[in-house]
Amino acid sequence: MTWRVWSKIITWLEVNIIVPGNLFAHWRCWDGFVRNRKESKRGVRLIWQTTIWSIWNVRNNVIFNNGGIEVEDIVEEIKRLSWSWSLSRMKIRPCLYYEWLWNPKWCLEA
């Protein structure tokens, strides 16, 4: 499930990275693919952290509440939550939700 979530997020961001099994190596790969503006790097880090947070919450829901796993729902929650966090935590121009869904890198680079 985790690999499918990461694959969909990577596709959404239109990047090509290998998803290593080690969390620290994953962070280094993820952190290294943005080479331009500081805000873009912060935004990509924010999406990474949102993904980790969402996967952790789903894991807890499955373990403690016998919850289910729907990859599409997790990915949509990551997109929604990362957009919300980007508006409140970053100094980027306001970006509408549909723009974020379409191309979050554009929102972060503008």
Protein backbone atom coordinates (compact mmCIF):
# COMPACT_ATOMS: atom_id res chain seq x y z
CA MET A 1 0.00 0.00 0.00
CA THR A 2 2.76 2.43 0.91
CA TRP A 3 4.59 1.87 -2.35
CA ARG A 4 1.37 2.51 -4.32
CA VAL A 5 0.78 5.76 -2.43
CA TRP A 6 4.34 6.96 -3.10
CA SER A 7 4.05 5.97 -6.77
CA LYS A 8 0.91 8.06 -7.19
CA ILE A 9 2.47 11.06 -5.41
CA ILE A 10 5.60 10.81 -7.60
CA THR A 11 3.40 10.64 -10.70
CA TRP A 12 1.38 13.64 -9.48
CA LEU A 13 4.59 15.65 -9.09
CA GLU A 14 5.89 14.44 -12.47
CA VAL A 15 9.29 13.40 -11.14
CA ASN A 16 11.39 10.32 -11.60
CA ILE A 17 12.96 9.02 -8.43
CA ILE A 18 13.60 5.59 -7.02
CA VAL A 19 11.72 4.80 -3.84
CA PRO A 20 14.31 3.19 -1.55
CA GLY A 21 13.24 1.02 1.37
CA ASN A 22 15.15 3.08 3.94
CA LEU A 23 13.31 6.20 5.15
CA PHE A 24 16.48 8.29 5.43
CA ALA A 25 17.63 7.34 1.93
CA HIS A 26 14.13 8.13 0.70
CA TRP A 27 14.37 11.61 2.24
CA ARG A 28 17.73 12.23 0.55
CA CYS A 29 16.38 11.14 -2.85
CA TRP A 30 13.25 13.22 -2.39
CA ASP A 31 15.12 16.25 -1.12
CA GLY A 32 17.64 16.10 -3.95
CA PHE A 33 15.38 16.31 -6.98
CA VAL A 34 14.56 20.03 -6.53
CA ARG A 35 17.48 22.22 -7.42
CA ASN A 36 15.88 25.63 -7.83
CA ARG A 37 14.20 28.09 -5.48
CA LYS A 38 14.16 27.72 -1.72
CA GLU A 39 10.34 27.79 -1.58
CA SER A 40 10.14 24.95 -4.12
CA LYS A 41 12.42 22.82 -1.97
CA ARG A 42 10.39 23.65 1.13
CA GLY A 43 7.19 22.79 -0.74
CA VAL A 44 8.49 19.42 -1.87
CA ARG A 45 9.61 18.71 1.68
CA LEU A 46 6.14 19.68 2.89
CA ILE A 47 4.54 17.20 0.45
CA TRP A 48 6.95 14.49 1.64
CA GLN A 49 6.08 15.19 5.27
CA THR A 50 2.37 15.23 4.48
CA THR A 51 2.70 11.85 2.79
CA ILE A 52 4.55 10.36 5.77
CA TRP A 53 1.96 11.85 8.13
CA SER A 54 -0.97 10.48 6.13
CA ILE A 55 0.54 6.99 5.82
CA TRP A 56 1.19 6.98 9.57
CA ASN A 57 -2.41 8.01 10.30
CA VAL A 58 -3.77 5.27 8.02
CA ARG A 59 -1.50 2.73 9.71
CA ASN A 60 -2.81 3.77 13.12
CA ASN A 61 -6.41 3.64 11.89
CA VAL A 62 -5.89 0.10 10.58
CA ILE A 63 -4.17 -1.12 13.75
CA PHE A 64 -6.27 0.57 16.41
CA ASN A 65 -9.67 0.96 14.71
CA ASN A 66 -9.70 -1.95 12.25
CA GLY A 67 -9.97 0.66 9.49
CA GLY A 68 -9.64 -0.02 5.81
CA ILE A 69 -7.12 1.09 3.24
CA GLU A 70 -8.08 2.89 0.04
CA VAL A 71 -5.01 4.14 -1.79
CA GLU A 72 -6.97 6.71 -3.82
CA ASP A 73 -8.48 8.17 -0.63
CA ILE A 74 -5.04 8.42 0.98
CA VAL A 75 -3.58 10.18 -2.07
CA GLU A 76 -6.49 12.63 -2.20
CA GLU A 77 -6.04 13.37 1.50
CA ILE A 78 -2.33 14.01 0.92
CA LYS A 79 -3.12 16.45 -1.88
CA ARG A 80 -5.76 18.26 0.17
CA LEU A 81 -3.69 18.40 3.34
CA SER A 82 -0.47 19.47 1.57
CA TRP A 83 -2.37 22.27 -0.17
CA SER A 84 -3.83 23.43 3.13
CA TRP A 85 -0.46 23.26 4.87
CA SER A 86 1.26 25.10 2.01
CA LEU A 87 -1.17 28.01 2.30
CA SER A 88 -0.70 28.37 6.04
CA ARG A 89 3.02 27.57 6.38
CA MET A 90 4.75 28.89 3.28
CA LYS A 91 5.33 32.25 1.71
CA ILE A 92 3.97 31.45 -1.73
CA ARG A 93 1.33 33.24 -3.69
CA PRO A 94 -2.19 31.96 -3.06
CA CYS A 95 -2.85 28.87 -5.11
CA LEU A 96 -6.34 27.56 -5.76
CA TYR A 97 -7.00 23.93 -4.94
CA TYR A 98 -7.59 22.94 -8.57
CA GLU A 99 -4.25 24.55 -9.49
CA TRP A 100 -2.56 22.56 -6.73
CA LEU A 101 -4.15 19.34 -8.01
CA TRP A 102 -3.12 20.14 -11.56
CA ASN A 103 0.51 21.08 -10.87
CA PRO A 104 1.76 21.74 -7.34
CA LYS A 105 5.29 22.52 -8.58
CA TRP A 106 3.86 25.45 -10.57
CA CYS A 107 2.26 26.80 -7.39
CA LEU A 108 5.55 26.46 -5.50
CA GLU A 109 7.70 28.03 -8.21
CA ALA A 110 5.56 31.04 -8.99
